[in-house]
Protein backbone atom coordinates (compact mmCIF):
# COMPACT_ATOMS: atom_id res chain seq x y z
CA MET A 1 21.11 36.79 39.82
CA ASN A 2 21.24 33.58 37.51
CA SER A 3 20.75 33.73 33.31
CA ILE A 4 17.26 34.13 33.59
CA ALA A 5 16.50 37.47 32.32
CA ASN A 6 14.43 39.29 35.50
CA LYS A 7 12.27 41.64 34.43
CA TYR A 8 10.36 41.32 37.85
CA SER A 9 13.80 42.56 39.67
CA ASN A 10 13.13 44.45 43.42
CA VAL A 11 8.99 44.28 41.74
CA ARG A 12 7.28 43.03 45.05
CA VAL A 13 3.80 43.20 46.10
CA GLU A 14 3.55 44.33 50.11
CA PHE A 15 -0.17 42.87 52.02
CA HIS A 16 -1.18 45.18 54.38
CA ILE A 17 -4.67 43.40 56.76
CA LEU A 18 -6.10 43.76 59.88
CA GLN A 19 -7.65 40.78 60.78
CA SER A 20 -9.78 41.17 64.47
CA PHE A 21 -9.57 38.35 66.36
CA PRO A 22 -12.31 37.68 70.07
CA VAL A 23 -11.37 34.87 72.49
CA THR A 24 -8.05 34.01 71.35
CA CYS A 25 -4.74 32.08 72.00
CA LEU A 26 -3.81 33.02 68.36
CA ASN A 27 0.87 32.28 69.40
CA ARG A 28 1.18 30.96 73.32
CA ASP A 29 4.88 31.35 74.43
CA ASP A 30 6.88 29.50 77.15
CA VAL A 31 4.52 29.57 79.80
CA GLY A 32 1.46 29.04 77.38
CA ALA A 33 0.82 33.07 77.48
CA PRO A 34 0.03 34.29 74.36
CA LYS A 35 3.06 36.90 73.26
CA THR A 36 3.28 40.68 73.93
CA ALA A 37 5.33 43.02 73.05
CA VAL A 38 6.42 46.26 73.55
CA VAL A 39 5.78 49.08 71.18
CA GLY A 40 4.69 52.78 71.61
CA GLY A 41 5.75 51.60 74.92
CA VAL A 42 1.98 49.75 75.23
CA THR A 43 1.65 45.44 75.97
CA ARG A 44 0.69 44.83 72.39
CA ALA A 45 -0.74 41.19 70.96
CA ARG A 46 1.68 39.64 69.04
CA VAL A 47 2.31 36.82 66.33
CA SER A 48 5.25 35.96 65.20
CA SER A 49 6.02 35.76 62.06
CA GLN A 50 7.28 31.99 62.50
CA CYS A 51 3.96 31.46 63.73
CA TRP A 52 1.60 32.67 60.62
CA LYS A 53 3.99 31.72 57.65
CA ARG A 54 4.43 27.32 58.90
CA GLN A 55 0.11 28.22 58.62
CA VAL A 56 0.29 29.68 55.48
CA ARG A 57 3.04 26.94 53.80
CA LEU A 58 0.73 24.47 55.46
CA ALA A 59 -2.40 26.57 53.69
CA MET A 60 -0.23 25.58 50.29
CA ARG A 61 -1.93 22.03 49.64
CA ASP A 62 -5.70 23.15 49.17
CA PHE A 63 -4.31 25.45 45.97
CA GLY A 64 -2.73 22.17 44.73
CA VAL A 65 0.86 22.91 46.50
CA GLU A 66 3.52 20.25 46.48
CA LEU A 67 5.11 21.22 49.78
CA GLY A 68 8.98 20.15 50.72
CA ILE A 69 9.88 18.28 53.36
CA ARG A 70 11.52 20.39 56.23
CA THR A 71 13.13 17.16 58.30
CA LYS A 72 15.23 16.41 60.96
CA LEU A 73 15.51 12.44 60.18
CA ILE A 74 17.13 13.03 56.54
CA SER A 75 17.77 9.32 56.28
CA LYS A 76 14.50 8.57 56.92
CA LEU A 77 13.50 10.45 53.41
CA VAL A 78 15.96 8.89 52.30
CA LYS A 79 15.42 5.66 53.16
CA GLU A 80 12.21 5.69 52.00
CA ALA A 81 12.85 6.83 48.77
CA CYS A 82 15.48 4.69 48.15
CA ILE A 83 12.89 1.80 48.76
CA LYS A 84 10.69 3.50 45.45
CA GLU A 85 14.20 2.60 43.59
CA GLY A 86 14.81 -0.68 44.56
CA ALA A 87 16.34 -0.98 47.51
CA THR A 88 15.94 -3.42 50.16
CA ASP A 89 16.06 -2.24 53.56
CA LYS A 90 19.57 -2.49 54.82
CA GLN A 91 20.47 -1.10 51.18
CA ALA A 92 18.33 2.08 51.55
CA SER A 93 19.76 2.67 55.31
CA ASP A 94 23.30 3.08 54.52
CA CYS A 95 22.60 5.02 51.81
CA GLY A 96 20.51 7.34 53.86
CA GLU A 97 22.83 7.65 57.04
CA LYS A 98 25.13 8.46 54.64
CA ILE A 99 22.86 11.66 53.95
CA GLU A 100 22.15 12.46 57.75
CA GLN A 101 25.54 12.06 58.80
CA ILE A 102 27.07 14.57 56.15
CA PHE A 103 24.01 17.14 57.88
CA ILE A 104 23.36 16.14 60.85
CA LYS A 105 25.61 17.25 63.26
CA LYS A 106 25.72 14.61 66.31
CA GLY A 107 24.75 16.84 69.51
CA ASN A 108 25.71 15.61 73.76
CA SER A 109 25.00 11.98 72.50
CA GLU A 110 27.90 11.65 71.41
CA LYS A 111 29.25 13.21 75.18
CA ASN A 112 26.86 12.12 77.81
CA ALA A 113 27.46 8.64 78.16
CA GLU A 114 23.86 8.74 80.34
CA VAL A 115 22.49 9.30 77.02
CA SER A 116 22.09 5.61 76.14
CA SER A 117 17.88 4.99 74.32
CA ALA A 118 18.74 6.13 70.25
CA GLU A 119 15.53 7.36 71.08
CA GLU A 120 16.87 10.16 73.40
CA GLN A 121 20.32 9.54 71.74
CA SER A 122 18.00 10.96 68.01
CA ASN A 123 16.04 13.67 70.68
CA GLU A 124 19.74 15.42 71.49
CA LYS A 125 20.60 16.11 68.05
CA THR A 126 20.72 19.58 67.72
CA ASP A 127 18.33 21.30 66.20
CA THR A 128 19.23 21.43 62.34
CA LEU A 129 16.47 20.70 59.15
CA LEU A 130 16.89 19.71 56.28
CA PHE A 131 14.46 21.65 54.17
CA LEU A 132 13.57 18.78 50.69
CA SER A 133 11.39 18.95 47.86
CA ARG A 134 10.20 15.51 46.56
CA ALA A 135 12.34 16.13 43.34
CA GLU A 136 15.41 16.47 45.28
CA THR A 137 15.36 13.73 47.58
CA GLU A 138 14.47 12.14 43.65
CA LYS A 139 17.07 12.42 42.23
CA LEU A 140 20.06 11.55 45.47
CA ALA A 141 18.64 8.35 44.80
CA LYS A 142 18.60 8.35 41.81
CA ALA A 143 21.35 8.94 42.14
CA PHE A 144 22.13 5.89 44.72
CA LYS A 145 20.46 3.66 42.03
CA GLU A 146 23.18 4.34 39.17
CA LYS A 147 25.78 2.59 41.98
CA ASN A 148 24.45 -0.20 43.45
CA PHE A 149 22.51 2.32 46.17
CA ASN A 150 26.34 1.77 47.53
CA PRO A 151 26.59 4.98 49.45
CA ASP A 152 30.08 5.39 49.42
CA GLU A 153 30.65 5.15 45.69
CA VAL A 154 28.25 8.36 45.88
CA ILE A 155 29.78 9.67 48.79
CA LYS A 156 33.63 9.27 48.37
CA GLN A 157 35.45 12.15 49.77
CA LYS A 158 36.04 11.92 53.55
CA ASP A 159 35.93 15.18 54.29
CA ALA A 160 33.18 15.85 55.28
CA LYS A 161 32.57 19.57 53.49
CA LYS A 162 34.46 17.79 50.67
CA GLN A 163 30.72 15.32 50.33
CA ALA A 164 28.62 17.68 50.43
CA LYS A 165 29.77 19.64 47.59
CA GLU A 166 29.36 16.09 46.02
CA ILE A 167 25.66 16.62 47.20
CA GLU A 168 25.98 20.00 45.67
CA THR A 169 26.89 18.33 42.19
CA ILE A 170 24.11 15.99 43.04
CA LEU A 171 21.13 18.46 43.56
CA GLY A 172 21.93 21.52 40.83
CA LYS A 173 20.79 24.28 41.71
CA PRO A 174 18.07 24.89 43.05
CA ASN A 175 15.10 25.73 40.02
CA TYR A 176 11.16 24.83 42.01
CA SER A 177 8.18 24.51 40.16
CA LEU A 178 5.66 23.54 42.20
CA ASP A 179 7.88 20.47 43.09
CA GLY A 180 9.35 22.89 46.18
CA LEU A 181 7.35 25.85 45.84
CA ASP A 182 7.17 26.24 49.64
CA ILE A 183 10.44 26.48 49.82
CA ALA A 184 10.84 29.02 46.69
CA LEU A 185 8.72 31.43 48.95
CA PHE A 186 11.24 30.54 52.64
CA GLY A 187 14.00 30.45 51.38
CA ARG A 188 16.28 27.47 52.65
CA MET A 189 20.17 27.40 54.25
CA VAL A 190 22.91 25.17 54.16
CA ALA A 191 25.49 25.48 56.47
CA GLN A 192 27.26 22.18 54.67
CA ALA A 193 26.89 23.56 50.50
CA ALA A 194 26.11 27.08 50.54
CA ASN A 195 24.98 26.57 46.56
CA LEU A 196 22.14 24.68 47.98
CA ASP A 197 20.90 27.99 50.27
CA VAL A 198 17.38 29.61 48.53
CA GLU A 199 16.87 33.14 49.30
CA ALA A 200 13.22 33.30 50.66
CA ALA A 201 11.15 35.92 48.95
CA ALA A 202 8.04 35.67 51.20
CA SER A 203 8.36 38.66 54.81
CA PHE A 204 6.49 38.06 57.24
CA SER A 205 6.19 41.04 59.77
CA HIS A 206 5.66 40.09 63.42
CA ALA A 207 1.95 40.89 63.64
CA ILE A 208 1.35 43.35 66.01
CA SER A 209 -2.31 44.72 67.90
CA THR A 210 -2.88 48.38 66.74
CA HIS A 211 -3.83 48.60 70.31
CA LYS A 212 -2.66 48.53 73.62
CA VAL A 213 -3.94 44.56 75.26
CA THR A 214 -4.11 43.43 78.01
CA ASN A 215 -3.77 39.89 79.65
CA GLU A 216 -6.46 38.07 80.70
CA VAL A 217 -7.15 34.87 82.24
CA GLU A 218 -9.89 31.93 82.05
CA PHE A 219 -10.69 29.92 85.06
CA PHE A 220 -12.21 25.95 83.86
CA THR A 221 -13.53 23.75 85.13
CA ALA A 222 -14.59 19.87 83.77
CA LEU A 223 -16.90 17.43 85.54
CA ASP A 224 -17.06 13.82 85.67
CA ASP A 225 -19.71 11.54 84.19
CA PHE A 226 -19.30 8.24 86.95
CA SER A 227 -18.66 11.00 89.89
CA ASP A 228 -21.43 11.15 92.39
CA GLU A 229 -19.79 13.34 93.94
CA GLN A 230 -20.74 17.32 94.60
CA GLY A 231 -18.58 19.52 92.26
CA SER A 232 -15.21 19.54 89.56
CA ALA A 233 -13.20 16.90 88.68
CA HIS A 234 -10.77 19.18 87.22
CA MET A 235 -9.53 23.23 88.00
CA GLY A 236 -7.70 24.89 85.11
CA SER A 237 -6.53 28.12 83.92
CA LEU A 238 -6.17 29.07 80.35
CA GLU A 239 -4.78 32.84 79.09
CA PHE A 240 -6.46 34.74 76.56
CA ASN A 241 -6.99 38.17 74.64
CA SER A 242 -8.22 40.11 71.93
CA ALA A 243 -7.44 42.36 69.63
CA THR A 244 -6.76 43.26 65.64
CA TYR A 245 -3.75 42.35 63.93
CA TYR A 246 -2.01 44.61 61.66
CA ARG A 247 0.33 42.35 59.50
CA TYR A 248 2.98 43.25 56.46
CA ILE A 249 3.32 40.60 54.53
CA ASP A 250 6.13 40.81 51.23
CA LEU A 251 6.80 39.06 48.16
CA ASP A 252 9.86 39.61 46.10
CA LEU A 253 8.75 39.42 42.88
CA GLY A 254 11.92 38.92 41.19
CA GLN A 255 13.19 37.08 44.12
CA LEU A 256 10.40 34.70 43.17
CA TYR A 257 10.54 34.28 39.62
CA GLU A 258 14.82 33.52 39.92
CA ASN A 259 13.67 30.48 42.38
CA LEU A 260 11.08 29.84 39.74
CA ALA A 261 13.51 30.09 36.80
CA GLY A 262 10.91 31.74 34.78
CA ASP A 263 7.97 32.32 34.22
CA GLU A 264 5.92 28.99 33.28
CA LEU A 265 4.99 28.27 37.04
CA PHE A 266 5.65 32.30 37.94
CA PRO A 267 1.84 32.95 37.87
CA LYS A 268 0.32 29.96 40.23
CA ALA A 269 2.60 30.27 42.43
CA ILE A 270 1.65 33.97 43.10
CA GLU A 271 -1.65 32.52 43.32
CA ALA A 272 -1.91 29.54 44.99
CA PHE A 273 0.69 32.42 47.86
CA ILE A 274 -2.31 35.10 48.39
CA LYS A 275 -5.46 32.66 48.53
CA ALA A 276 -3.04 30.77 51.31
CA LEU A 277 -2.16 34.49 52.89
CA TYR A 278 -6.30 35.02 53.02
CA ILE A 279 -7.19 31.40 54.80
CA ALA A 280 -4.27 30.54 56.89
CA VAL A 281 -4.51 31.37 60.82
CA PRO A 282 -2.24 29.62 63.05
CA ASP A 283 -3.83 26.06 65.38
CA ALA A 284 -3.44 26.76 68.69
CA ARG A 285 -6.27 26.41 70.50
CA GLN A 286 -8.56 25.89 67.23
CA LYS A 287 -10.97 23.71 69.58
CA THR A 288 -10.95 25.19 73.13
CA GLN A 289 -10.51 29.17 72.01
CA SER A 290 -11.48 29.60 67.88
CA GLY A 291 -10.28 31.66 65.78
CA ALA A 292 -11.50 31.53 62.04
CA SER A 293 -11.70 34.86 61.36
CA PRO A 294 -10.58 36.03 58.34
CA TRP A 295 -9.10 39.86 56.95
CA ASP A 296 -11.09 42.45 57.74
CA PHE A 297 -9.22 45.64 55.37
CA ALA A 298 -6.49 44.79 53.38
CA ILE A 299 -3.81 47.16 51.26
CA ILE A 300 -1.87 45.93 48.78
CA HIS A 301 0.89 47.33 47.07
CA VAL A 302 2.01 45.78 43.76
CA ARG A 303 5.59 48.45 43.43
CA LYS A 304 9.65 49.21 42.46
CA GLY A 305 10.85 49.74 44.92
CA GLN A 306 12.62 49.24 48.78
CA ARG A 307 10.05 47.18 51.02
CA LEU A 308 7.42 49.88 53.71
CA GLN A 309 6.24 48.73 57.17
CA LEU A 310 4.11 50.33 59.00
CA SER A 311 4.41 50.63 62.06
CA PHE A 312 1.83 51.49 64.51
CA GLU A 313 3.93 53.01 67.33
CA ALA A 314 0.93 55.27 68.67
CA PRO A 315 -1.82 52.76 69.45
CA VAL A 316 -5.17 53.81 67.96
CA LYS A 317 -7.94 54.27 70.40
CA SER A 318 -11.54 52.54 70.56
CA HIS A 319 -14.33 55.15 69.06
CA ASP A 320 -18.05 53.48 67.61
CA GLY A 321 -17.36 50.60 69.50
CA GLY A 322 -14.01 49.31 68.38
CA PHE A 323 -10.47 48.79 67.07
CA LEU A 324 -11.47 48.51 63.84
CA LYS A 325 -12.46 52.20 62.21
CA PRO A 326 -9.50 53.76 64.12
CA SER A 327 -6.64 50.62 62.43
CA ILE A 328 -8.30 51.68 58.99
CA GLU A 329 -8.31 55.41 58.91
CA TYR A 330 -4.85 55.46 60.14
CA MET A 331 -3.19 52.91 58.03
CA LYS A 332 -5.85 54.11 54.81
CA ASN A 333 -4.29 58.23 56.20
CA GLU A 334 -0.45 56.33 57.15
CA LEU A 335 0.21 54.75 54.10
CA ALA A 336 -0.58 57.52 52.44
CA ARG A 337 1.75 60.42 53.98
CA LYS A 338 4.21 57.35 53.18
CA GLU A 339 4.21 57.44 49.44
CA LYS A 340 3.98 61.29 49.93
CA LEU A 341 6.66 61.38 50.94
CA SER A 342 8.95 58.75 49.33
CA GLY A 343 8.31 60.70 46.08
CA SER A 344 9.49 58.61 43.16
CA LEU A 345 11.17 56.05 45.21
CA PHE A 346 7.69 55.06 46.29
CA GLY A 347 7.05 53.11 42.95
CA LYS A 348 3.64 52.41 42.37
CA ILE A 349 2.04 50.29 39.90
CA ALA A 350 -0.81 49.24 41.14
CA GLU A 351 -3.28 49.90 44.45
CA PHE A 352 -5.85 47.69 45.91
CA THR A 353 -8.65 47.99 48.55
CA PHE A 354 -10.16 45.26 49.60
CA GLY A 355 -12.68 44.43 52.41
CA GLU A 356 -14.81 47.47 51.30
CA ASP A 357 -16.95 46.61 48.84
CA GLU A 358 -17.94 43.54 49.04
CA ASN A 359 -18.89 42.26 45.71
CA PHE A 360 -14.60 41.96 44.98
CA SER A 361 -13.99 38.71 46.43
CA ILE A 362 -10.31 37.58 47.36
CA ASP A 363 -10.76 35.42 43.84
CA MET A 364 -11.45 38.80 42.44
CA LEU A 365 -8.41 40.34 44.18
CA THR A 366 -6.10 37.48 43.32
CA ASP A 367 -6.87 37.93 40.13
CA SER A 368 -5.83 41.60 39.37
CA ILE A 369 -2.64 40.92 41.54
CA VAL A 370 -1.54 38.53 39.45
CA SER A 371 -3.17 40.56 36.09
CA SER A 372 -0.78 43.16 37.04
CA VAL A 373 2.30 41.81 37.88
CA MET A 374 1.73 40.07 34.39
CA GLY A 375 1.08 42.80 31.96
């Protein structure tokens, strides 16, 4: 770790969440069907970790977090920052292109003579996405300004790896406030400049249904308001399912503390993450198959030790008219069993249950978690 004494090393907040949705298609596969996985020999509904992570990241805006920018269009990002610093359009474009050619490798467009348009060439680049905070983009722009927006005076080396080292020197060691908190939480890898890598503080599992699920098909029609002919003007079909999902999210407090370089913004970062985690829902087909269901039940541990996730390997069976109640029973019993089996290695500092006491709101839960973390 870095020079800051990290009192949260190996301390984590673990979220075990049950969340039920009626007719939905929260996360689609390549043919538009709800994603699934085989767990315990039966098909389960699935929402990928990256799908829910993105929604959590975007939801943090609602809680005063200024997000970083994750893009392949790095030249445009740097260009806009340089213009704000007083560069002409041409100067800003040159500076942006200088940065882009370091980090974004050209793909098939250089090898394929049939690719002609600028848009097609842009689409032929590799899928590299560079993740920068506003402050980091401003550092680049200010470095160009100091050299009168002459990019060759800022990036002097010819070799791409050495150029990346020059960028590392300009940006310095990653250190995020609420400007770029999403980078501190979700991490960043920069293959050409390893010193810019940021280890993610948050870890998400794929959400899976606690029970067997079979996707169903909705057949639909649409009518033409101006047509005098009987019958539908359009017919189609969509797949959907309904499920109670188990979600596991781990927040590594030691890594977050390091990424934020200390205490000042640490509690606010935890608060924003928890509240975003509560409200974020994948947005696929939300206009036609609204899925706006919040958490039904959750057990949250503040622990010192290794991550501990449940598998729900044996699908729960419906009783009392649904899957939620048996899922809650299983989760309570299995977490208690794991705690006993882990003994001193479980390292529990605090435990919170959400969803049973209607007087214990998400605000109270958040305050309780932050208080237990901060001591």
